[in-house]
Each structure stands twice: as C-alpha cells, then as structure tokens.
Amino acid sequence: MKAVLCKAFGPAETLVLEEVANPAAKANEVLLEVHAAGVNFPDTLIIAGKYQFKPPLPFSPGGEAAGVVAAVGEKVGHLKVGDRVMALTGWGSFAEQVAVASYNLMPIPAHMDFVSAAAFGMTYGTSMHALKQRAGLKPGETLLVLGASGGVGLAAVEIGKAMGARVIAAASSAEKLAVAKAAGADELINYSDCSLKDEVKRLTGGQGADVIYDPVGGDLFDAAIRSIAWNGRLLVVGFASGRIPELPVNLALLKGAAVVGVFWGSFAQRQPQDNAANFQQLFAWHAAGKLKPLVSQTFPLEQAAAAIDSLGQRKAVGKVVVQVR
C-alpha cells in the first residue's frame, strides 16, 4: 500500500510517499481502508518530535480517518467488514490502510460522507467535551472563542450556539471572522487591530466572558484571562501560537475563575460512555443542520505534506482533509 512516512523528525517537506507492507489487524483491532484523513494541529507537532507521543520511526502521521472496515480481529464483535466508520488513530491515517483499536472506531451516520466524517471526530469531539464536561456551559452564558476560524474554533462556535450561549468569535482577520459569522457567531472581534480585553469588556457591559475557549495560547491567553467574568472558566485547548503561557494565579483568584485543561483523547479512553453520549448529541445536531463541518481544502495523499504545512502556517480556515480514495 501507499503511505506518507516520517523517517526523521522535521518539517512537513521532509515527508515521503512510499510503498510499504499492508498492516494486519490484531485480535482487538480493525483494519481500516482509509478514504479520507483529517489534518489536525497535533500532526504538525508529531512529525517534529514535539508532541506528547513519539511513535517509533518511520511512521505515518494522521490522527483521524474515515473509511470502510476491511478486516476485523478475532475479539471484535461490534463491527464487520464493509462498515463505514470514523477512527481516532493517533497516527497512521495518511496511508491507504491503518490498523485501529476497535474502541477508537465509531459508525459514520448515514447522512455523513467520508470527507465530512474525517473532519468531524477530533474537532467536534474536543469542543463538545470542552464546553460540556469541562466548562459546564449554560444557556444564556457568554462564550468567547479564540482562533474562531480554525477547526476546533469553528466547532466551538457551532456547539456553543447549539447549547444556547451567546458566542463572541475572535480571529486575526476580517476574512476569518466572516467564516465564524457564517457559523453562527453573535459578535466578532478582530484581535489584530484592537485590544481583545477592551472589546470583550465592551461587548459584555464590563462583565467579561463566562467561558473562554482557547486553542491559541501565547499573548491571547494573557489578554483573555484579564477579560474573564466572575466565576468564569478558561479552557486550555492548545497552543497554536507556539508559546505556552504562564498564568499569574492572582488573576484567577480575583475573579473566582477556573483555568481548566482539555484533553479529549484521554477523556475518550477514560470515559467512553460519556464520549459516546457526546457523539450521539453531535450526530443529532449534524442531522438537524446545526453543525456543518467546513472543509476548506482537500489534498490527495501525495500532497499530504502540503496539507500539514498549510495548517502549521496557520493559513487554513476550518478543516483540511487528505483524500486518500
């Protein structure tokens, strides 16, 4: 089969496309024939050796995929050959086939195509867990979403609206904010030409945001924690800016605020029933038209490096997908 390989840690342009042996499913695994694979920010880190997991070299990046079950291990009873599924793989999805632990697979709803399914799991799973389990977002609360035009940011905008929040979308350009507006954002902040803190205070009558969704980190985190409401919750989702911020903890004390970590991958493994319930709701919202994954670009397998680079350079809007078949 063909697979995109990382043979040494480095930038995306060092990835190569090669013929490799087909994987085999172990007893508790499924062999997935990959049709499409989502590109996510961790892909930019894992190929550089900067992610919390370092697969043995060589490996194929790609943390999520959608496709068809080609074979099942002897201990797998809930899936069969021919099933359409979406998978959380960690790595390995930028290939024609990948072996996946059966507990990391979910059936794709009948109304969802492979490209949408490949763009759905990680971003919507992360944002749903963040807003439901970690923030306890309530109807009528104000949700501030940083990096609101990216994959997880747009998912947070849509889910926040579906949960009944007033959503303030923040991004670095008018073009990106237009995408967030189309996803349902109530208010917009262009933080490249104004003070994030001052705009949040203005839009909330001086109260601040009840929940802040931050996949960016860096300077935006510094500004966001200063614009949080009393009893607010700041969700630490990621560090796309490249800088992990440091928190003056007196700011949390003064607002009775909580800074809450979000790690959906571990949540999905430790609390599988809660994760499954989250996805039942997400699929229902998708079927009702409340969630519309935005795939701004698709790349063929041989251009997977360009797909990862577009995300790493923060050029992407919504999701980028590698179309394998």
Protein backbone atom coordinates (compact mmCIF):
# COMPACT_ATOMS: atom_id res chain seq x y z
CA MET A 1 0.00 0.00 0.00
CA LYS A 2 1.00 3.65 -0.29
CA ALA A 3 1.77 5.62 2.86
CA VAL A 4 3.18 9.03 3.74
CA LEU A 5 6.18 8.44 6.00
CA CYS A 6 8.05 10.47 8.57
CA LYS A 7 11.55 8.95 8.58
CA ALA A 8 13.21 11.64 10.70
CA PHE A 9 11.68 14.36 12.84
CA GLY A 10 11.49 17.64 10.96
CA PRO A 11 9.27 19.92 8.85
CA ALA A 12 6.47 18.69 6.62
CA GLU A 13 8.52 18.92 3.43
CA THR A 14 10.72 16.03 4.66
CA LEU A 15 7.79 13.57 4.49
CA VAL A 16 7.92 10.98 1.70
CA LEU A 17 5.35 8.82 -0.09
CA GLU A 18 6.40 5.17 -0.35
CA GLU A 19 5.08 1.66 -0.86
CA VAL A 20 5.01 -0.25 2.43
CA ALA A 21 3.64 -3.56 3.66
CA ASN A 22 -0.06 -3.66 4.45
CA PRO A 23 -0.82 -3.69 8.19
CA ALA A 24 -2.63 -6.60 9.81
CA ALA A 25 -5.33 -6.30 12.45
CA LYS A 26 -4.52 -7.78 15.86
CA ALA A 27 -7.17 -9.57 17.91
CA ASN A 28 -8.77 -6.37 19.24
CA GLU A 29 -8.17 -4.26 16.13
CA VAL A 30 -9.88 -3.40 12.87
CA LEU A 31 -8.14 -2.94 9.54
CA LEU A 32 -9.48 0.26 8.03
CA GLU A 33 -9.44 1.04 4.31
CA VAL A 34 -8.88 4.80 4.52
CA HIS A 35 -10.98 7.02 2.27
CA ALA A 36 -10.18 10.38 3.90
CA ALA A 37 -8.00 11.59 6.75
CA GLY A 38 -8.36 14.79 8.73
CA VAL A 39 -5.38 17.11 9.30
CA ASN A 40 -5.05 18.48 12.82
CA PHE A 41 -2.59 20.69 14.68
CA PRO A 42 -1.00 17.71 16.51
CA ASP A 43 0.13 16.44 13.09
CA THR A 44 2.42 19.46 12.81
CA LEU A 45 3.93 18.60 16.19
CA ILE A 46 4.23 14.82 15.92
CA ILE A 47 6.37 14.97 12.75
CA ALA A 48 8.69 17.45 14.51
CA GLY A 49 9.04 15.25 17.60
CA LYS A 50 7.29 17.87 19.74
CA TYR A 51 4.10 16.01 20.61
CA GLN A 52 3.47 14.10 23.85
CA PHE A 53 3.58 10.86 21.85
CA LYS A 54 6.65 9.97 19.78
CA PRO A 55 5.96 6.97 17.52
CA PRO A 56 8.96 4.87 16.51
CA LEU A 57 10.43 5.93 13.17
CA PRO A 58 9.42 5.56 10.43
CA PHE A 59 5.71 6.22 10.92
CA SER A 60 2.82 7.72 9.01
CA PRO A 61 1.21 10.81 10.58
CA GLY A 62 -2.53 11.45 10.58
CA GLY A 63 -4.58 11.25 13.77
CA GLU A 64 -8.07 10.63 12.40
CA ALA A 65 -9.60 8.89 9.43
CA ALA A 66 -12.83 7.77 7.83
CA GLY A 67 -13.27 4.71 5.68
CA VAL A 68 -14.52 1.15 5.37
CA VAL A 69 -13.73 -1.86 7.56
CA ALA A 70 -11.56 -4.26 5.52
CA ALA A 71 -10.95 -6.89 8.25
CA VAL A 72 -11.69 -7.41 11.94
CA GLY A 73 -9.69 -9.08 14.68
CA GLU A 74 -10.99 -12.22 16.38
CA LYS A 75 -12.02 -10.35 19.55
CA VAL A 76 -14.00 -7.64 17.73
CA GLY A 77 -17.73 -8.33 17.79
CA HIS A 78 -19.47 -5.00 17.19
CA LEU A 79 -18.05 -4.25 13.72
CA LYS A 80 -17.99 -6.17 10.46
CA VAL A 81 -16.32 -5.96 7.06
CA GLY A 82 -17.95 -3.25 4.95
CA ASP A 83 -19.00 -0.98 7.82
CA ARG A 84 -18.44 2.76 7.28
CA VAL A 85 -16.53 4.09 10.29
CA MET A 86 -14.60 7.08 11.61
CA ALA A 87 -11.44 6.42 13.59
CA LEU A 88 -9.18 8.12 16.10
CA THR A 89 -5.76 6.71 15.24
CA GLY A 90 -3.19 8.97 16.93
CA TRP A 91 -1.02 8.48 13.86
CA GLY A 92 -1.04 6.31 10.76
CA SER A 93 -4.02 7.72 8.84
CA PHE A 94 -2.08 9.20 5.91
CA ALA A 95 -1.97 5.78 4.29
CA GLU A 96 -4.25 3.55 2.25
CA GLN A 97 -4.84 1.28 5.25
CA VAL A 98 -4.38 1.54 9.01
CA ALA A 99 -4.95 -0.87 11.90
CA VAL A 100 -7.02 0.72 14.67
CA ALA A 101 -8.04 -0.43 18.15
CA SER A 102 -11.74 -1.25 17.94
CA TYR A 103 -12.67 1.08 20.84
CA ASN A 104 -11.39 4.03 18.77
CA LEU A 105 -13.94 3.49 15.99
CA MET A 106 -17.49 4.78 15.57
CA PRO A 107 -20.02 4.13 12.80
CA ILE A 108 -20.46 7.04 10.41
CA PRO A 109 -24.06 8.30 10.32
CA ALA A 110 -25.86 7.55 7.07
CA HIS A 111 -26.21 11.26 6.30
CA MET A 112 -22.44 11.96 6.51
CA ASP A 113 -19.87 11.47 3.72
CA PHE A 114 -16.27 10.30 4.23
CA VAL A 115 -14.68 13.76 3.90
CA SER A 116 -17.07 15.28 6.46
CA ALA A 117 -16.54 12.29 8.78
CA ALA A 118 -12.76 12.71 8.57
CA ALA A 119 -13.20 16.37 9.55
CA PHE A 120 -15.62 15.69 12.39
CA GLY A 121 -14.29 13.46 15.15
CA MET A 122 -11.35 15.30 16.66
CA THR A 123 -12.57 18.89 16.36
CA TYR A 124 -16.17 18.35 17.39
CA GLY A 125 -15.22 15.73 19.99
CA THR A 126 -12.72 18.14 21.56
CA SER A 127 -15.06 21.12 21.54
CA MET A 128 -18.06 19.19 22.86
CA HIS A 129 -16.04 17.74 25.75
CA ALA A 130 -14.57 21.17 26.48
CA LEU A 131 -17.89 23.01 26.59
CA LYS A 132 -19.97 20.28 28.24
CA GLN A 133 -17.80 18.35 30.70
CA ARG A 134 -15.04 20.89 31.37
CA ALA A 135 -16.86 24.25 31.23
CA GLY A 136 -20.43 23.25 32.01
CA LEU A 137 -21.60 25.92 29.55
CA LYS A 138 -25.14 27.07 30.35
CA PRO A 139 -27.80 28.64 28.08
CA GLY A 140 -27.54 32.41 28.16
CA GLU A 141 -23.86 32.50 29.14
CA THR A 142 -21.31 34.34 27.01
CA LEU A 143 -18.73 32.16 25.26
CA LEU A 144 -15.58 33.74 23.83
CA VAL A 145 -13.87 31.59 21.18
CA LEU A 146 -10.27 32.42 20.25
CA GLY A 147 -8.93 31.24 16.89
CA ALA A 148 -12.57 31.02 15.87
CA SER A 149 -11.97 30.22 12.18
CA GLY A 150 -9.87 27.11 12.80
CA GLY A 151 -11.17 23.56 13.03
CA VAL A 152 -11.76 23.37 16.78
CA GLY A 153 -12.69 27.06 16.95
CA LEU A 154 -15.48 26.78 14.38
CA ALA A 155 -16.73 23.63 16.09
CA ALA A 156 -16.83 25.53 19.39
CA VAL A 157 -18.82 28.36 17.78
CA GLU A 158 -21.40 25.95 16.41
CA ILE A 159 -21.66 23.84 19.57
CA GLY A 160 -21.84 26.95 21.75
CA LYS A 161 -24.81 28.19 19.73
CA ALA A 162 -26.47 24.77 19.86
CA MET A 163 -26.09 24.84 23.67
CA GLY A 164 -27.79 28.24 23.87
CA ALA A 165 -24.81 30.52 24.54
CA ARG A 166 -24.11 33.98 23.20
CA VAL A 167 -20.95 33.49 21.16
CA ILE A 168 -18.21 36.06 20.63
CA ALA A 169 -15.80 34.91 17.90
CA ALA A 170 -12.25 36.28 17.90
CA ALA A 171 -9.80 35.87 15.00
CA SER A 172 -6.96 37.68 13.26
CA SER A 173 -8.64 38.92 10.07
CA ALA A 174 -11.96 40.06 8.64
CA GLU A 175 -11.96 37.08 6.26
CA LYS A 176 -11.63 34.61 9.12
CA LEU A 177 -14.30 36.40 11.13
CA ALA A 178 -16.70 36.17 8.18
CA VAL A 179 -16.36 32.39 8.38
CA ALA A 180 -17.12 32.46 12.12
CA LYS A 181 -20.11 34.72 11.48
CA ALA A 182 -21.47 32.25 8.93
CA ALA A 183 -21.10 29.51 11.58
CA GLY A 184 -23.41 31.46 13.89
CA ALA A 185 -21.24 33.81 15.96
CA ASP A 186 -23.20 36.68 17.52
CA GLU A 187 -20.31 39.14 17.91
CA LEU A 188 -16.89 39.44 16.25
CA ILE A 189 -13.50 40.67 17.46
CA ASN A 190 -10.51 41.18 15.16
CA TYR A 191 -7.67 40.96 17.66
CA SER A 192 -5.08 42.05 15.10
CA ASP A 193 -6.32 45.64 15.20
CA CYS A 194 -7.84 46.12 18.67
CA SER A 195 -7.47 45.17 22.33
CA LEU A 196 -9.10 41.80 22.98
CA LYS A 197 -9.62 42.66 26.64
CA ASP A 198 -11.23 46.03 25.92
CA GLU A 199 -13.54 44.64 23.21
CA VAL A 200 -14.72 41.76 25.39
CA LYS A 201 -15.47 44.18 28.23
CA ARG A 202 -17.34 46.47 25.82
CA LEU A 203 -19.42 43.66 24.35
CA THR A 204 -20.31 42.28 27.79
CA GLY A 205 -21.10 45.55 29.54
CA GLY A 206 -17.95 45.25 31.63
CA GLN A 207 -18.79 41.76 32.92
CA GLY A 208 -16.37 39.71 30.84
CA ALA A 209 -16.87 36.30 29.20
CA ASP A 210 -18.28 33.41 31.23
CA VAL A 211 -16.40 30.78 29.25
CA ILE A 212 -13.26 31.33 27.14
CA TYR A 213 -12.22 28.67 24.63
CA ASP A 214 -8.50 29.00 23.89
CA PRO A 215 -6.73 26.79 21.34
CA VAL A 216 -4.12 29.51 20.67
CA GLY A 217 -2.26 30.31 23.91
CA GLY A 218 0.53 32.88 23.96
CA ASP A 219 -0.40 36.56 24.09
CA LEU A 220 -4.09 35.83 23.55
CA PHE A 221 -4.24 33.76 26.72
CA ASP A 222 -2.65 36.65 28.59
CA ALA A 223 -5.34 39.02 27.33
CA ALA A 224 -8.19 36.52 27.72
CA ILE A 225 -7.62 35.77 31.40
CA ARG A 226 -7.92 39.51 32.02
CA SER A 227 -11.31 39.61 30.32
CA ILE A 228 -12.96 36.72 32.16
CA ALA A 229 -16.16 37.11 34.15
CA TRP A 230 -16.70 36.36 37.84
CA ASN A 231 -16.84 32.54 38.18
CA GLY A 232 -15.58 32.29 34.59
CA ARG A 233 -13.89 29.22 33.09
CA LEU A 234 -10.93 29.49 30.73
CA LEU A 235 -10.47 26.33 28.67
CA VAL A 236 -6.87 25.43 27.79
CA VAL A 237 -7.27 23.58 24.48
CA GLY A 238 -3.91 24.09 22.73
CA PHE A 239 -1.04 26.38 21.84
CA ALA A 240 -1.26 27.11 18.12
CA SER A 241 0.66 30.36 18.70
CA GLY A 242 3.71 28.33 19.63
CA ARG A 243 4.06 29.76 23.15
CA ILE A 244 2.76 28.02 26.26
CA PRO A 245 1.68 30.90 28.52
CA GLU A 246 2.36 31.29 32.22
CA LEU A 247 -0.52 32.24 34.50
CA PRO A 248 -0.31 34.90 37.24
CA VAL A 249 -2.59 32.93 39.56
CA ASN A 250 -3.79 36.08 41.35
CA LEU A 251 -5.90 36.78 38.23
CA ALA A 252 -7.83 33.54 38.79
CA LEU A 253 -8.20 34.39 42.48
CA LEU A 254 -9.59 37.89 41.88
CA LYS A 255 -12.33 36.61 39.54
CA GLY A 256 -13.09 33.34 41.33
CA ALA A 257 -12.17 31.87 37.94
CA ALA A 258 -11.06 28.42 36.87
CA VAL A 259 -8.39 27.58 34.30
CA VAL A 260 -9.36 24.15 33.00
CA GLY A 261 -7.36 21.72 30.89
CA VAL A 262 -8.98 19.94 27.94
CA PHE A 263 -7.53 16.63 26.69
CA TRP A 264 -10.23 14.93 24.65
CA GLY A 265 -8.12 11.91 23.65
CA SER A 266 -7.67 10.81 27.26
CA PHE A 267 -11.31 11.63 28.07
CA ALA A 268 -12.49 9.40 25.21
CA GLN A 269 -10.43 6.49 26.56
CA ARG A 270 -11.17 7.01 30.27
CA GLN A 271 -14.86 7.89 29.93
CA PRO A 272 -16.03 6.07 26.79
CA GLN A 273 -19.71 6.13 27.74
CA ASP A 274 -19.67 9.90 28.23
CA ASN A 275 -17.83 10.32 24.94
CA ALA A 276 -20.37 8.13 23.15
CA ALA A 277 -23.21 10.23 24.61
CA ASN A 278 -21.46 13.38 23.38
CA PHE A 279 -21.32 12.00 19.86
CA GLN A 280 -24.95 10.92 19.90
CA GLN A 281 -25.81 14.57 20.55
CA LEU A 282 -23.32 15.82 17.96
CA PHE A 283 -24.69 13.50 15.29
CA ALA A 284 -28.24 14.60 16.12
CA TRP A 285 -27.24 18.26 15.76
CA HIS A 286 -25.49 17.46 12.48
CA ALA A 287 -28.57 15.71 11.13
CA ALA A 288 -30.64 18.76 12.15
CA GLY A 289 -28.30 21.09 10.25
CA LYS A 290 -26.90 22.80 13.35
CA LEU A 291 -23.35 21.53 12.74
CA LYS A 292 -21.81 21.94 9.29
CA PRO A 293 -18.12 20.92 9.16
CA LEU A 294 -16.26 23.36 6.93
CA VAL A 295 -13.64 21.60 4.83
CA SER A 296 -11.81 24.45 3.12
CA GLN A 297 -9.26 22.32 1.26
CA THR A 298 -8.73 18.71 0.25
CA PHE A 299 -5.37 17.31 -0.85
CA PRO A 300 -4.50 13.97 -2.49
CA LEU A 301 -2.34 11.58 -0.49
CA GLU A 302 0.81 12.56 -2.38
CA GLN A 303 0.32 16.16 -1.20
CA ALA A 304 -0.17 15.35 2.48
CA ALA A 305 2.95 17.35 3.36
CA ALA A 306 1.41 20.47 1.81
CA ALA A 307 -1.78 19.81 3.76
CA ILE A 308 0.10 19.66 7.06
CA ASP A 309 2.14 22.74 6.15
CA SER A 310 -0.99 24.78 5.39
CA LEU A 311 -2.17 24.09 8.93
CA GLY A 312 1.23 24.66 10.51
CA GLN A 313 1.49 28.07 8.81
CA ARG A 314 -1.97 28.96 10.19
CA LYS A 315 -3.25 29.54 6.66
CA ALA A 316 -6.14 27.10 6.93
CA VAL A 317 -9.76 28.02 7.61
CA GLY A 318 -11.94 25.28 9.03
CA LYS A 319 -10.61 21.79 8.33
CA VAL A 320 -8.08 20.44 5.84
CA VAL A 321 -8.59 16.84 4.68
CA VAL A 322 -6.33 14.40 2.84
CA GLN A 323 -8.47 12.44 0.37
CA VAL A 324 -6.89 9.01 0.07
CA ARG A 325 -9.53 7.45 -2.20
